[in-house]
């Protein structure tokens, strides 16, 4: 017997999220549909500063994001963090460094 029973597998496979968000990814030719729950924390692995707008927009929508900056060069990383901390100041939010290169940003209200 596995970790999940047959009943639990059916419940997991038939899960229907509450919200649907269309996300336009510049690297993909077609539009991608991403489904999120309202309380879902969105994770980002940006490769450059150009992805900052998408992170800020998601932060406005879902009130929290986690950003992994381990694969980004130092100059871009500083620029991205500076922008997002400015967003946090403007929206009365905050952020916390979770691990080396990993940050959690949230808006309180």
Protein backbone atom coordinates (compact mmCIF):
# COMPACT_ATOMS: atom_id res chain seq x y z
CA UNK A 1 0.00 0.00 0.00
CA UNK A 2 1.34 3.42 -0.96
CA UNK A 3 1.52 6.65 0.96
CA UNK A 4 -1.98 7.65 -0.20
CA UNK A 5 -5.07 5.53 -0.27
CA UNK A 6 -7.19 5.30 -3.44
CA UNK A 7 -9.75 7.70 -1.91
CA UNK A 8 -7.09 10.37 -1.18
CA UNK A 9 -5.59 10.05 -4.68
CA UNK A 10 -9.02 10.73 -6.21
CA UNK A 11 -9.50 13.78 -3.99
CA UNK A 12 -6.10 15.19 -4.95
CA UNK A 13 -6.57 14.54 -8.67
CA UNK A 14 -10.03 16.13 -8.69
CA UNK A 15 -9.00 19.29 -6.80
CA UNK A 16 -10.44 22.47 -8.35
CA UNK A 17 -8.73 25.78 -7.38
CA UNK A 18 -10.86 28.81 -6.53
CA UNK A 19 -9.30 31.39 -8.88
CA UNK A 20 -7.99 31.34 -12.44
CA UNK A 21 -5.36 33.82 -13.62
CA UNK A 22 -4.04 34.24 -17.14
CA UNK A 23 -0.32 34.81 -17.10
CA UNK A 24 1.53 36.08 -20.14
CA UNK A 25 5.06 34.68 -20.23
CA UNK A 26 7.37 36.50 -22.64
CA UNK A 27 9.46 33.38 -23.24
CA UNK A 28 6.51 31.34 -24.52
CA UNK A 29 4.70 31.89 -27.79
CA UNK A 30 1.26 30.96 -26.47
CA UNK A 31 -0.63 32.26 -23.46
CA UNK A 32 -0.41 30.03 -20.40
CA UNK A 33 -3.30 29.59 -17.95
CA UNK A 34 -2.17 29.27 -14.34
CA UNK A 35 -4.64 28.42 -11.57
CA UNK A 36 -4.11 29.69 -8.03
CA UNK A 37 -5.92 29.64 -4.76
CA UNK A 38 -6.35 33.13 -3.25
CA UNK A 39 -3.98 32.25 -0.38
CA UNK A 40 -1.37 30.71 -2.68
CA UNK A 41 2.21 31.94 -2.29
CA UNK A 42 3.73 32.44 -5.72
CA UNK A 43 7.34 31.44 -6.28
CA UNK A 44 9.64 33.11 -8.82
CA UNK A 45 13.05 32.16 -10.18
CA UNK A 46 13.91 35.29 -12.19
CA UNK A 47 16.87 35.29 -14.58
CA UNK A 48 16.99 39.06 -14.97
CA UNK A 49 15.56 42.42 -13.93
CA UNK A 50 13.04 42.31 -16.79
CA UNK A 51 10.88 39.87 -14.78
CA UNK A 52 10.40 42.37 -11.93
CA UNK A 53 7.10 43.77 -13.25
CA UNK A 54 5.53 40.29 -13.26
CA UNK A 55 6.68 39.75 -9.66
CA UNK A 56 5.24 43.11 -8.54
CA UNK A 57 1.93 42.45 -10.35
CA UNK A 58 1.63 39.04 -8.69
CA UNK A 59 2.44 40.61 -5.34
CA UNK A 60 -0.40 43.09 -5.81
CA UNK A 61 -2.81 40.30 -6.72
CA UNK A 62 -1.90 37.62 -4.18
CA UNK A 63 -0.34 39.77 -1.41
CA UNK A 64 2.80 37.58 -1.11
CA UNK A 65 5.58 36.12 -3.25
CA UNK A 66 8.76 34.14 -2.74
CA UNK A 67 11.70 35.06 -4.97
CA UNK A 68 14.72 32.80 -5.53
CA UNK A 69 17.65 34.93 -6.75
CA UNK A 70 20.33 32.24 -6.78
CA UNK A 71 20.51 32.08 -10.61
CA UNK A 72 20.80 35.82 -11.24
CA UNK A 73 23.97 37.88 -11.53
CA UNK A 74 24.91 40.14 -8.62
CA UNK A 75 24.18 43.49 -10.32
CA UNK A 76 20.71 42.37 -11.50
CA UNK A 77 19.99 40.87 -8.06
CA UNK A 78 20.71 44.18 -6.29
CA UNK A 79 18.59 46.12 -8.78
CA UNK A 80 15.66 43.69 -8.42
CA UNK A 81 15.80 43.74 -4.61
CA UNK A 82 15.99 47.56 -4.59
CA UNK A 83 12.89 47.78 -6.79
CA UNK A 84 10.90 45.26 -4.75
CA UNK A 85 11.83 46.92 -1.44
CA UNK A 86 10.55 50.19 -2.94
CA UNK A 87 7.30 48.42 -3.80
CA UNK A 88 7.13 47.15 -0.20
CA UNK A 89 7.62 50.67 1.13
CA UNK A 90 4.92 52.11 -1.13
CA UNK A 91 2.40 49.36 -0.29
CA UNK A 92 3.26 49.22 3.42
CA UNK A 93 4.56 45.68 3.05
CA UNK A 94 7.69 43.96 4.24
CA UNK A 95 10.17 41.27 3.26
CA UNK A 96 12.40 38.71 4.89
CA UNK A 97 15.49 36.89 3.70
CA UNK A 98 14.71 33.19 4.12
CA UNK A 99 17.99 31.73 2.90
CA UNK A 100 20.95 32.73 0.75
CA UNK A 101 19.36 34.36 -2.30
CA UNK A 102 15.75 33.53 -1.29
CA UNK A 103 13.37 36.28 -0.16
CA UNK A 104 9.74 36.37 0.99
CA UNK A 105 7.78 39.58 0.24
CA UNK A 106 4.29 40.31 1.59
CA UNK A 107 1.70 43.07 1.82
CA UNK A 108 -0.02 43.31 5.20
CA UNK A 109 -3.53 44.43 4.20
